[in-house]
Amino acid sequence: MPLHARHFTLGEARSLLSMILPDLSRIVALKNSLGAKGYDVYRHRYFGGAGPNGSGTYPQELDELVTIVRRLTEQGVLVKSLDDGLIDFPHIRENDEEVYLCYKLGEEDILFWHPIDSGFAGRRSTTQL
């Protein structure tokens, strides 16, 4: 039984990628901006305390970051790294194996896939799909 409800063909993933590239760039920029302010997005708090002004409020950039990630997730895209703009698209191979089509911001296209359990380190060329 597949882990994901939505699956993409390589063509569908490539088409969607062309539309969401600005979002991926924005995710990385927002993550970097938050880090420069001393905000840890993974723990949802400022490093070492409640905040630079003691207010304990979330920075504005976090709202935008969450909105973008939520929108991508609702489209079926798996956001794997905010630092690198790394995303996966669930895909079913011809042998019925569920895998991920893998893209990292800066690559020229979706050129890799990997088994679900191997992650980024197990990437293989899409020519071997």
N, C-alpha and C. Protein backbone atom coordinates (compact mmCIF):
# COMPACT_ATOMS: atom_id res chain seq x y z
N MET A 1 0.85 -1.19 0.00
CA MET A 1 0.00 0.00 0.00
C MET A 1 0.89 1.25 0.00
N PRO A 2 0.63 2.18 -0.89
CA PRO A 2 1.46 3.38 -0.99
C PRO A 2 1.40 4.24 0.29
N LEU A 3 2.50 4.88 0.57
CA LEU A 3 2.60 5.78 1.72
C LEU A 3 1.89 7.11 1.45
N HIS A 4 1.91 7.54 0.18
CA HIS A 4 1.34 8.84 -0.18
C HIS A 4 0.09 8.67 -1.05
N ALA A 5 -0.85 9.59 -0.87
CA ALA A 5 -2.08 9.57 -1.67
C ALA A 5 -1.86 10.14 -3.06
N ARG A 6 -0.97 11.12 -3.18
CA ARG A 6 -0.70 11.79 -4.45
C ARG A 6 0.65 11.37 -4.99
N HIS A 7 0.68 11.05 -6.27
CA HIS A 7 1.93 10.69 -6.94
C HIS A 7 2.05 11.49 -8.23
N PHE A 8 3.28 11.78 -8.60
CA PHE A 8 3.57 12.58 -9.78
C PHE A 8 4.31 11.74 -10.81
N THR A 9 3.97 11.96 -12.08
CA THR A 9 4.84 11.45 -13.14
C THR A 9 6.03 12.40 -13.18
N LEU A 10 7.08 11.99 -13.85
CA LEU A 10 8.24 12.87 -13.98
C LEU A 10 7.84 14.17 -14.68
N GLY A 11 7.01 14.07 -15.71
CA GLY A 11 6.54 15.25 -16.43
C GLY A 11 5.74 16.19 -15.55
N GLU A 12 4.84 15.63 -14.74
CA GLU A 12 4.04 16.45 -13.83
C GLU A 12 4.92 17.15 -12.79
N ALA A 13 5.89 16.41 -12.26
CA ALA A 13 6.79 17.00 -11.26
C ALA A 13 7.61 18.13 -11.88
N ARG A 14 8.09 17.92 -13.09
CA ARG A 14 8.87 18.96 -13.76
C ARG A 14 8.02 20.20 -14.05
N SER A 15 6.80 19.99 -14.45
CA SER A 15 5.89 21.11 -14.72
C SER A 15 5.62 21.91 -13.45
N LEU A 16 5.32 21.21 -12.35
CA LEU A 16 5.07 21.90 -11.09
C LEU A 16 6.33 22.59 -10.60
N LEU A 17 7.48 21.95 -10.76
CA LEU A 17 8.73 22.55 -10.32
C LEU A 17 8.95 23.91 -10.95
N SER A 18 8.65 24.03 -12.24
CA SER A 18 8.86 25.31 -12.91
C SER A 18 8.00 26.41 -12.28
N MET A 19 6.86 26.03 -11.71
CA MET A 19 5.97 27.02 -11.08
C MET A 19 6.37 27.34 -9.64
N ILE A 20 7.02 26.40 -8.96
CA ILE A 20 7.31 26.62 -7.53
C ILE A 20 8.76 27.00 -7.25
N LEU A 21 9.58 27.13 -8.28
CA LEU A 21 10.97 27.54 -8.07
C LEU A 21 11.09 28.85 -7.29
N PRO A 22 10.26 29.87 -7.57
CA PRO A 22 10.35 31.09 -6.76
C PRO A 22 10.04 30.82 -5.27
N ASP A 23 9.12 29.91 -5.00
CA ASP A 23 8.82 29.56 -3.62
C ASP A 23 10.01 28.90 -2.95
N LEU A 24 10.71 28.02 -3.65
CA LEU A 24 11.88 27.37 -3.07
C LEU A 24 12.97 28.38 -2.75
N SER A 25 13.21 29.30 -3.66
CA SER A 25 14.19 30.36 -3.41
C SER A 25 13.79 31.19 -2.21
N ARG A 26 12.51 31.49 -2.11
CA ARG A 26 12.01 32.30 -0.98
C ARG A 26 12.15 31.55 0.34
N ILE A 27 11.89 30.25 0.35
CA ILE A 27 12.04 29.45 1.56
C ILE A 27 13.47 29.56 2.09
N VAL A 28 14.45 29.37 1.21
CA VAL A 28 15.85 29.43 1.62
C VAL A 28 16.19 30.84 2.12
N ALA A 29 15.72 31.87 1.43
CA ALA A 29 15.99 33.25 1.85
C ALA A 29 15.36 33.54 3.22
N LEU A 30 14.14 33.10 3.43
CA LEU A 30 13.47 33.32 4.71
C LEU A 30 14.18 32.57 5.83
N LYS A 31 14.59 31.33 5.57
CA LYS A 31 15.31 30.54 6.58
C LYS A 31 16.62 31.25 6.95
N ASN A 32 17.33 31.75 5.95
CA ASN A 32 18.58 32.46 6.21
C ASN A 32 18.35 33.76 6.98
N SER A 33 17.31 34.48 6.63
CA SER A 33 16.97 35.72 7.32
C SER A 33 16.63 35.46 8.78
N LEU A 34 15.84 34.43 9.02
CA LEU A 34 15.47 34.08 10.39
C LEU A 34 16.70 33.66 11.20
N GLY A 35 17.57 32.89 10.57
CA GLY A 35 18.80 32.47 11.25
C GLY A 35 19.68 33.65 11.59
N ALA A 36 19.75 34.63 10.68
CA ALA A 36 20.56 35.82 10.93
C ALA A 36 20.01 36.63 12.10
N LYS A 37 18.71 36.53 12.34
CA LYS A 37 18.09 37.23 13.47
C LYS A 37 18.20 36.42 14.77
N GLY A 38 18.77 35.22 14.66
CA GLY A 38 18.90 34.38 15.84
C GLY A 38 17.68 33.53 16.12
N TYR A 39 16.86 33.28 15.09
CA TYR A 39 15.65 32.49 15.29
C TYR A 39 15.84 31.07 14.77
N ASP A 40 15.54 30.09 15.59
CA ASP A 40 15.65 28.68 15.25
C ASP A 40 14.28 28.20 14.74
N VAL A 41 14.13 28.03 13.44
CA VAL A 41 12.83 27.64 12.87
C VAL A 41 12.43 26.23 13.27
N TYR A 42 13.40 25.38 13.61
CA TYR A 42 13.08 24.01 13.96
C TYR A 42 12.53 23.89 15.39
N ARG A 43 12.93 24.81 16.25
CA ARG A 43 12.43 24.80 17.63
C ARG A 43 11.42 25.91 17.88
N HIS A 44 11.17 26.72 16.88
CA HIS A 44 10.23 27.83 16.96
C HIS A 44 10.52 28.75 18.14
N ARG A 45 11.79 29.13 18.24
CA ARG A 45 12.18 30.07 19.29
C ARG A 45 13.52 30.70 18.93
N TYR A 46 13.77 31.81 19.58
CA TYR A 46 15.06 32.45 19.40
C TYR A 46 16.12 31.64 20.12
N PHE A 47 17.32 31.63 19.57
CA PHE A 47 18.42 30.93 20.22
C PHE A 47 18.68 31.57 21.58
N GLY A 48 18.67 30.77 22.63
CA GLY A 48 19.05 31.25 23.95
C GLY A 48 18.03 32.09 24.69
N GLY A 49 16.81 32.20 24.23
CA GLY A 49 15.86 33.00 24.98
C GLY A 49 14.54 33.23 24.26
N ALA A 50 13.77 34.14 24.80
CA ALA A 50 12.42 34.40 24.30
C ALA A 50 12.42 35.28 23.07
N GLY A 51 13.45 36.05 22.86
CA GLY A 51 13.49 36.94 21.70
C GLY A 51 14.40 38.11 21.97
N PRO A 52 14.79 38.80 20.92
CA PRO A 52 15.72 39.91 21.10
C PRO A 52 15.14 41.03 21.95
N ASN A 53 13.82 41.16 21.96
CA ASN A 53 13.21 42.22 22.77
C ASN A 53 12.45 41.65 23.96
N GLY A 54 12.59 40.33 24.17
CA GLY A 54 11.92 39.70 25.30
C GLY A 54 10.43 39.48 25.11
N SER A 55 9.92 39.76 23.91
CA SER A 55 8.47 39.66 23.68
C SER A 55 8.01 38.22 23.50
N GLY A 56 8.90 37.36 23.02
CA GLY A 56 8.52 35.98 22.77
C GLY A 56 7.64 35.79 21.56
N THR A 57 7.45 36.81 20.75
CA THR A 57 6.60 36.70 19.57
C THR A 57 7.38 36.10 18.40
N TYR A 58 6.63 35.50 17.48
CA TYR A 58 7.26 34.93 16.30
C TYR A 58 7.61 36.04 15.32
N PRO A 59 8.75 35.91 14.65
CA PRO A 59 9.10 36.91 13.63
C PRO A 59 8.16 36.82 12.43
N GLN A 60 7.97 37.93 11.76
CA GLN A 60 7.07 38.01 10.60
C GLN A 60 7.46 37.03 9.50
N GLU A 61 8.76 36.84 9.29
CA GLU A 61 9.22 35.94 8.23
C GLU A 61 8.75 34.50 8.45
N LEU A 62 8.55 34.13 9.72
CA LEU A 62 8.12 32.76 10.01
C LEU A 62 6.72 32.50 9.43
N ASP A 63 5.84 33.48 9.55
CA ASP A 63 4.49 33.32 8.98
C ASP A 63 4.55 33.06 7.48
N GLU A 64 5.37 33.82 6.78
CA GLU A 64 5.50 33.63 5.33
C GLU A 64 6.11 32.27 5.02
N LEU A 65 7.10 31.87 5.77
CA LEU A 65 7.75 30.57 5.57
C LEU A 65 6.74 29.44 5.75
N VAL A 66 5.97 29.49 6.82
CA VAL A 66 4.97 28.46 7.09
C VAL A 66 3.91 28.43 5.99
N THR A 67 3.49 29.59 5.52
CA THR A 67 2.49 29.67 4.46
C THR A 67 2.98 29.01 3.18
N ILE A 68 4.23 29.26 2.82
CA ILE A 68 4.78 28.67 1.59
C ILE A 68 4.91 27.16 1.74
N VAL A 69 5.46 26.70 2.87
CA VAL A 69 5.63 25.26 3.07
C VAL A 69 4.27 24.57 3.08
N ARG A 70 3.29 25.17 3.72
CA ARG A 70 1.94 24.58 3.76
C ARG A 70 1.37 24.48 2.34
N ARG A 71 1.54 25.53 1.54
CA ARG A 71 1.02 25.52 0.17
C ARG A 71 1.69 24.41 -0.65
N LEU A 72 2.99 24.26 -0.53
CA LEU A 72 3.68 23.20 -1.26
C LEU A 72 3.21 21.82 -0.80
N THR A 73 3.07 21.65 0.50
CA THR A 73 2.62 20.38 1.06
C THR A 73 1.22 20.04 0.56
N GLU A 74 0.36 21.03 0.50
CA GLU A 74 -1.00 20.79 0.00
C GLU A 74 -1.01 20.37 -1.46
N GLN A 75 0.03 20.73 -2.20
CA GLN A 75 0.14 20.33 -3.61
C GLN A 75 0.75 18.93 -3.75
N GLY A 76 1.17 18.34 -2.63
CA GLY A 76 1.76 17.01 -2.66
C GLY A 76 3.27 17.00 -2.65
N VAL A 77 3.90 18.16 -2.56
CA VAL A 77 5.37 18.28 -2.53
C VAL A 77 5.85 18.08 -1.09
N LEU A 78 6.92 17.32 -0.94
CA LEU A 78 7.50 17.09 0.38
C LEU A 78 8.72 17.99 0.54
N VAL A 79 8.66 18.93 1.46
CA VAL A 79 9.78 19.83 1.71
C VAL A 79 10.71 19.13 2.68
N LYS A 80 11.94 18.86 2.24
CA LYS A 80 12.89 18.08 3.03
C LYS A 80 13.94 18.93 3.72
N SER A 81 14.31 20.07 3.13
CA SER A 81 15.32 20.94 3.75
C SER A 81 15.02 22.39 3.44
N LEU A 82 14.82 23.17 4.51
CA LEU A 82 14.63 24.61 4.36
C LEU A 82 15.95 25.29 4.01
N ASP A 83 17.05 24.70 4.46
CA ASP A 83 18.38 25.29 4.22
C ASP A 83 18.79 25.20 2.76
N ASP A 84 18.44 24.09 2.11
CA ASP A 84 18.92 23.82 0.76
C ASP A 84 17.87 23.90 -0.33
N GLY A 85 16.60 24.09 0.04
CA GLY A 85 15.54 24.04 -0.96
C GLY A 85 15.41 22.65 -1.54
N LEU A 86 15.51 21.65 -0.67
CA LEU A 86 15.44 20.25 -1.08
C LEU A 86 13.99 19.77 -0.96
N ILE A 87 13.47 19.23 -2.07
CA ILE A 87 12.09 18.74 -2.08
C ILE A 87 12.03 17.37 -2.77
N ASP A 88 10.96 16.64 -2.45
CA ASP A 88 10.69 15.36 -3.10
C ASP A 88 9.26 15.35 -3.62
N PHE A 89 9.08 14.61 -4.69
CA PHE A 89 7.76 14.37 -5.28
C PHE A 89 7.50 12.87 -5.22
N PRO A 90 6.47 12.40 -4.53
CA PRO A 90 6.16 10.98 -4.54
C PRO A 90 5.89 10.50 -5.97
N HIS A 91 6.39 9.32 -6.29
CA HIS A 91 6.30 8.76 -7.64
C HIS A 91 6.17 7.25 -7.54
N ILE A 92 5.44 6.65 -8.47
CA ILE A 92 5.34 5.19 -8.56
C ILE A 92 6.09 4.74 -9.81
N ARG A 93 7.11 3.91 -9.60
CA ARG A 93 7.88 3.38 -10.74
C ARG A 93 7.05 2.34 -11.48
N GLU A 94 7.52 1.97 -12.66
CA GLU A 94 6.82 0.97 -13.48
C GLU A 94 6.67 -0.36 -12.76
N ASN A 95 7.57 -0.67 -11.83
CA ASN A 95 7.49 -1.92 -11.07
C ASN A 95 6.61 -1.77 -9.82
N ASP A 96 5.87 -0.66 -9.73
CA ASP A 96 4.96 -0.34 -8.62
C ASP A 96 5.66 0.04 -7.32
N GLU A 97 6.96 0.28 -7.38
CA GLU A 97 7.70 0.74 -6.19
C GLU A 97 7.44 2.24 -5.99
N GLU A 98 7.07 2.61 -4.79
CA GLU A 98 6.89 4.02 -4.46
C GLU A 98 8.25 4.61 -4.11
N VAL A 99 8.63 5.69 -4.80
CA VAL A 99 9.92 6.34 -4.62
C VAL A 99 9.70 7.86 -4.60
N TYR A 100 10.79 8.58 -4.42
CA TYR A 100 10.73 10.04 -4.48
C TYR A 100 11.56 10.56 -5.64
N LEU A 101 10.95 11.45 -6.42
CA LEU A 101 11.69 12.25 -7.40
C LEU A 101 12.28 13.40 -6.59
N CYS A 102 13.57 13.61 -6.71
CA CYS A 102 14.30 14.49 -5.80
C CYS A 102 14.85 15.71 -6.54
N TYR A 103 14.68 16.88 -5.94
CA TYR A 103 15.22 18.12 -6.51
C TYR A 103 15.82 18.97 -5.40
N LYS A 104 16.98 19.54 -5.68
CA LYS A 104 17.64 20.48 -4.77
C LYS A 104 17.83 21.80 -5.50
N LEU A 105 17.45 22.88 -4.85
CA LEU A 105 17.55 24.20 -5.45
C LEU A 105 18.94 24.42 -6.04
N GLY A 106 18.96 24.88 -7.30
CA GLY A 106 20.22 25.10 -8.00
C GLY A 106 20.50 24.05 -9.06
N GLU A 107 19.85 22.88 -8.93
CA GLU A 107 20.01 21.87 -9.97
C GLU A 107 19.22 22.32 -11.19
N GLU A 108 19.62 21.85 -12.37
CA GLU A 108 18.99 22.34 -13.59
C GLU A 108 17.61 21.73 -13.86
N ASP A 109 17.31 20.62 -13.20
CA ASP A 109 16.05 19.92 -13.45
C ASP A 109 15.91 18.83 -12.39
N ILE A 110 14.81 18.08 -12.45
CA ILE A 110 14.68 16.90 -11.59
C ILE A 110 15.48 15.80 -12.28
N LEU A 111 16.66 15.56 -11.78
CA LEU A 111 17.58 14.62 -12.40
C LEU A 111 17.77 13.35 -11.58
N PHE A 112 17.17 13.31 -10.37
CA PHE A 112 17.43 12.19 -9.48
C PHE A 112 16.15 11.67 -8.83
N TRP A 113 16.20 10.43 -8.41
CA TRP A 113 15.15 9.81 -7.62
C TRP A 113 15.85 8.96 -6.56
N HIS A 114 15.10 8.58 -5.54
CA HIS A 114 15.66 7.66 -4.54
C HIS A 114 14.55 6.87 -3.87
N PRO A 115 14.88 5.65 -3.42
CA PRO A 115 13.92 4.89 -2.63
C PRO A 115 13.54 5.67 -1.38
N ILE A 116 12.35 5.47 -0.89
CA ILE A 116 11.87 6.22 0.26
C ILE A 116 12.79 6.04 1.46
N ASP A 117 13.28 4.84 1.68
CA ASP A 117 14.08 4.59 2.88
C ASP A 117 15.55 4.96 2.76
N SER A 118 16.02 5.36 1.58
CA SER A 118 17.44 5.67 1.44
C SER A 118 17.76 7.15 1.54
N GLY A 119 16.80 8.01 1.26
CA GLY A 119 17.03 9.44 1.36
C GLY A 119 17.99 9.98 0.31
N PHE A 120 18.43 11.21 0.55
CA PHE A 120 19.27 11.94 -0.39
C PHE A 120 20.53 11.16 -0.78
N ALA A 121 21.11 10.47 0.18
CA ALA A 121 22.35 9.73 -0.08
C ALA A 121 22.16 8.61 -1.10
N GLY A 122 20.93 8.16 -1.27
CA GLY A 122 20.66 7.06 -2.20
C GLY A 122 20.16 7.51 -3.56
N ARG A 123 20.40 8.78 -3.89
CA ARG A 123 19.89 9.30 -5.17
C ARG A 123 20.48 8.57 -6.36
N ARG A 124 19.62 8.37 -7.34
CA ARG A 124 19.99 7.73 -8.61
C ARG A 124 19.47 8.58 -9.76
N SER A 125 20.06 8.44 -10.90
CA SER A 125 19.65 9.21 -12.08
C SER A 125 18.24 8.84 -12.51
N THR A 126 17.50 9.85 -12.95
CA THR A 126 16.13 9.60 -13.45
C THR A 126 16.18 8.75 -14.74
N THR A 127 17.33 8.64 -15.36
CA THR A 127 17.42 7.75 -16.52
C THR A 127 17.26 6.30 -16.11
N GLN A 128 17.36 6.03 -14.80
CA GLN A 128 17.22 4.67 -14.27
C GLN A 128 15.85 4.44 -13.63
N LEU A 129 14.89 5.32 -13.90
CA LEU A 129 13.55 5.12 -13.37
C LEU A 129 12.93 3.91 -14.05
